Amino acid sequence: MVDRNCVLIADDHPLMRSALAQAVSQALPRSEIIEAGTLDEVVKSIRLRPPGAPPDLILLDLNMPGMSAYYGFFLLALGFPGIPVIVV
């Protein structure tokens, strides 16, 4: 049983990231939250995780730097197929 989840919040607006982080913290009190403001930061954050410990979920804004329409979504889906992505 996993007692700590990791959620990556990807949005270029700090207030939106903060609101999502607060919602995640209330729903999953023991969760680790990683924040990223660009697609490059998202990919870097995933790659910096320990081997075998990717984020459990990505909350993704489609309109942030590096996304270029659905490019970023497909990059994440194909590059990290085991991580569920929710478009915010």
C-alpha atoms as a PDB file:
ATOM      1  CA  MET A   1       0.000   0.000   0.000  1.00  0.00           C
ATOM      2  CA  VAL A   2       1.320   3.423  -1.000  1.00  0.00           C
ATOM      3  CA  ASP A   3       1.030   5.953   1.800  1.00  0.00           C
ATOM      4  CA  ARG A   4       2.335   8.935  -0.162  1.00  0.00           C
ATOM      5  CA  ASN A   5       1.201  10.025  -3.620  1.00  0.00           C
ATOM      6  CA  CYS A   6       3.088  12.346  -5.930  1.00  0.00           C
ATOM      7  CA  VAL A   7       1.102  14.813  -8.027  1.00  0.00           C
ATOM      8  CA  LEU A   8       2.760  17.047 -10.616  1.00  0.00           C
ATOM      9  CA  ILE A   9       0.838  20.292 -11.203  1.00  0.00           C
ATOM     10  CA  ALA A  10       1.705  21.867 -14.549  1.00  0.00           C
ATOM     11  CA  ASP A  11       0.339  25.359 -15.113  1.00  0.00           C
ATOM     12  CA  ASP A  12       2.036  28.632 -16.029  1.00  0.00           C
ATOM     13  CA  HIS A  13      -0.128  30.701 -13.662  1.00  0.00           C
ATOM     14  CA  PRO A  14       1.198  30.639 -10.073  1.00  0.00           C
ATOM     15  CA  LEU A  15      -2.255  31.324  -8.578  1.00  0.00           C
ATOM     16  CA  MET A  16      -3.770  28.390 -10.468  1.00  0.00           C
ATOM     17  CA  ARG A  17      -0.921  26.106  -9.360  1.00  0.00           C
ATOM     18  CA  SER A  18      -1.471  27.256  -5.791  1.00  0.00           C
ATOM     19  CA  ALA A  19      -5.223  26.600  -5.956  1.00  0.00           C
ATOM     20  CA  LEU A  20      -4.690  23.153  -7.453  1.00  0.00           C
ATOM     21  CA  ALA A  21      -2.024  22.368  -4.848  1.00  0.00           C
ATOM     22  CA  GLN A  22      -4.435  23.338  -2.077  1.00  0.00           C
ATOM     23  CA  ALA A  23      -7.176  21.123  -3.561  1.00  0.00           C
ATOM     24  CA  VAL A  24      -4.790  18.184  -3.901  1.00  0.00           C
ATOM     25  CA  SER A  25      -3.511  18.695  -0.352  1.00  0.00           C
ATOM     26  CA  GLN A  26      -7.061  18.596   0.991  1.00  0.00           C
ATOM     27  CA  ALA A  27      -7.997  15.511  -1.034  1.00  0.00           C
ATOM     28  CA  LEU A  28      -4.676  13.685  -0.482  1.00  0.00           C
ATOM     29  CA  PRO A  29      -3.179  15.124   2.723  1.00  0.00           C
ATOM     30  CA  ARG A  30       0.018  13.062   2.609  1.00  0.00           C
ATOM     31  CA  SER A  31       0.760  13.769  -1.055  1.00  0.00           C
ATOM     32  CA  GLU A  32       3.963  15.190  -2.440  1.00  0.00           C
ATOM     33  CA  ILE A  33       3.250  18.057  -4.833  1.00  0.00           C
ATOM     34  CA  ILE A  34       5.605  19.112  -7.600  1.00  0.00           C
ATOM     35  CA  GLU A  35       4.916  22.312  -9.536  1.00  0.00           C
ATOM     36  CA  ALA A  36       6.004  23.226 -13.050  1.00  0.00           C
ATOM     37  CA  GLY A  37       5.273  26.279 -15.186  1.00  0.00           C
ATOM     38  CA  THR A  38       6.450  25.074 -18.606  1.00  0.00           C
ATOM     39  CA  LEU A  39       6.515  21.832 -20.555  1.00  0.00           C
ATOM     40  CA  ASP A  40      10.314  21.720 -20.190  1.00  0.00           C
ATOM     41  CA  GLU A  41       9.950  21.951 -16.390  1.00  0.00           C
ATOM     42  CA  VAL A  42       7.394  19.119 -16.448  1.00  0.00           C
ATOM     43  CA  VAL A  43       9.720  16.800 -18.378  1.00  0.00           C
ATOM     44  CA  LYS A  44      12.710  17.777 -16.224  1.00  0.00           C
ATOM     45  CA  SER A  45      10.726  17.174 -13.013  1.00  0.00           C
ATOM     46  CA  ILE A  46       9.699  13.702 -14.181  1.00  0.00           C
ATOM     47  CA  ARG A  47      13.238  12.778 -15.208  1.00  0.00           C
ATOM     48  CA  LEU A  48      14.675  14.000 -11.883  1.00  0.00           C
ATOM     49  CA  ARG A  49      12.437  11.619  -9.912  1.00  0.00           C
ATOM     50  CA  PRO A  50      14.100   8.510  -8.492  1.00  0.00           C
ATOM     51  CA  PRO A  51      14.049   5.514 -10.851  1.00  0.00           C
ATOM     52  CA  GLY A  52      10.778   3.641 -10.547  1.00  0.00           C
ATOM     53  CA  ALA A  53       9.081   6.528  -8.729  1.00  0.00           C
ATOM     54  CA  PRO A  54       7.404   8.715 -11.356  1.00  0.00           C
ATOM     55  CA  PRO A  55       4.576  11.040 -10.360  1.00  0.00           C
ATOM     56  CA  ASP A  56       1.294   9.222  -9.789  1.00  0.00           C
ATOM     57  CA  LEU A  57      -0.646  11.909 -11.662  1.00  0.00           C
ATOM     58  CA  ILE A  58      -0.089  15.010 -13.788  1.00  0.00           C
ATOM     59  CA  LEU A  59      -2.589  17.876 -13.731  1.00  0.00           C
ATOM     60  CA  LEU A  60      -1.836  19.600 -17.031  1.00  0.00           C
ATOM     61  CA  ASP A  61      -2.699  23.012 -18.466  1.00  0.00           C
ATOM     62  CA  LEU A  62      -2.751  22.789 -22.275  1.00  0.00           C
ATOM     63  CA  ASN A  63      -2.048  26.527 -22.654  1.00  0.00           C
ATOM     64  CA  MET A  64       1.385  27.051 -21.160  1.00  0.00           C
ATOM     65  CA  PRO A  65       4.861  27.634 -22.611  1.00  0.00           C
ATOM     66  CA  GLY A  66       6.112  24.741 -24.715  1.00  0.00           C
ATOM     67  CA  MET A  67       2.739  23.101 -25.242  1.00  0.00           C
ATOM     68  CA  SER A  68       2.026  24.151 -28.869  1.00  0.00           C
ATOM     69  CA  ALA A  69      -1.547  22.849 -29.075  1.00  0.00           C
ATOM     70  CA  TYR A  70      -1.606  19.153 -28.152  1.00  0.00           C
ATOM     71  CA  TYR A  71       2.121  18.552 -28.702  1.00  0.00           C
ATOM     72  CA  GLY A  72       2.922  18.594 -24.985  1.00  0.00           C
ATOM     73  CA  PHE A  73       0.054  16.289 -24.107  1.00  0.00           C
ATOM     74  CA  PHE A  74       1.141  13.721 -26.706  1.00  0.00           C
ATOM     75  CA  LEU A  75       4.786  14.087 -25.686  1.00  0.00           C
ATOM     76  CA  LEU A  76       3.884  13.213 -22.098  1.00  0.00           C
ATOM     77  CA  ALA A  77       1.461  10.433 -23.075  1.00  0.00           C
ATOM     78  CA  LEU A  78       3.983   8.754 -25.379  1.00  0.00           C
ATOM     79  CA  GLY A  79       7.134   9.530 -23.396  1.00  0.00           C
ATOM     80  CA  PHE A  80       5.731   8.575 -19.986  1.00  0.00           C
ATOM     81  CA  PRO A  81       2.863   6.166 -20.721  1.00  0.00           C
ATOM     82  CA  GLY A  82       2.492   4.958 -17.141  1.00  0.00           C
ATOM     83  CA  ILE A  83       1.590   8.394 -15.750  1.00  0.00           C
ATOM     84  CA  PRO A  84      -2.081   9.410 -15.954  1.00  0.00           C
ATOM     85  CA  VAL A  85      -2.655  12.956 -17.213  1.00  0.00           C
ATOM     86  CA  ILE A  86      -5.691  15.081 -16.382  1.00  0.00           C
ATOM     87  CA  VAL A  87      -6.115  18.184 -18.542  1.00  0.00           C
ATOM     88  CA  VAL A  88      -7.100  21.169 -16.414  1.00  0.00           C
END
